[in-house]
C-alpha cells in the first residue's frame, strides 16, 4: 500500500466503492463504471497506484489488510457524514472487500464479493491453491518492475500468493454480504469457493453474467445485476 490514496470518483448517488481485481489496476472497467455511475457515486480504488503513474516502481508483497485499510481511508475521505457505502470487489479485490467488511463494518451498507480466490476454505483447499498458482504463474511471469512491467506481472509476483491464502476470520453482520459467481463459472474452482464462503459466512449468493472476467466481458449486464443486488439489499434492510 502506498501513502497516497489513489482513487477516481464519477457519477452521482449513493457511494459505491469499486475494488478491481488482479493488482488493483482498473484496466477494462470503464464501461462497467460508466453504467454504474448512472445510479451511484462510483469510487474506484487503485491500491498500488498502477493506473496513476506507479506501474514499474517496486512493490512489496501485498496483504488483504493493506488493501482494506486503504479502502477504509478512501471511504473516510469521500463518504458524507452519517452515510454508509456500498462496496464491490472482484477476484483479489473481492478478497480485499471481505477483509474490509470483517475489520470495518461500521459504515458499510452492503458488500458484494465476486469470485474471491480464497480457495483454502475448500476441504481440498491447499491442493487447489497450489494448482491455481501453478496454472497462473507456471508458464512464465511478465515483469513486475521496470519499463516493461505489467499489472499482471505485479499480480503474480506480489498479490496472488498472499491473497489466495486468505481465510475470513469473522462472520459479518447478518444481511451485509453477498457472494457472487459467474454463470459461466458453475462447476469451476471459484464457483465452488464462492459457494463454500457463502455457507461459511451465512451470506446470500447471486449469479452474475459471464465468468471470472464478467466485469469486462459483459459490463452493462454485470452492472445491472450489481445495481439490482444492492437495491434489493437496501429494501431488505429497510
Foldseek 3Di string as FASTA:
>chain_A
DDPDWDKDWAADEAEEEEQEDQQRDCPLLVLLVVLLSPHHGYIRTRLQCCVPPCQQPDDAADALVSLLVSVVVVCVVPPDPPAAHEYEYAALGLLNVLVNQLPPVPRHLAYERELHLLQCLDPCRVVVLVVVLCVLPVVHAFDRHDDRHDSNNCRNPHNSVNRNNDDRDDQGDPLRYEYEFEPVCPPHRSVVVSVSVCVVNVHHYDYAYDGSVCCNPPSNRRSVVVVVVSVVSVVVVD
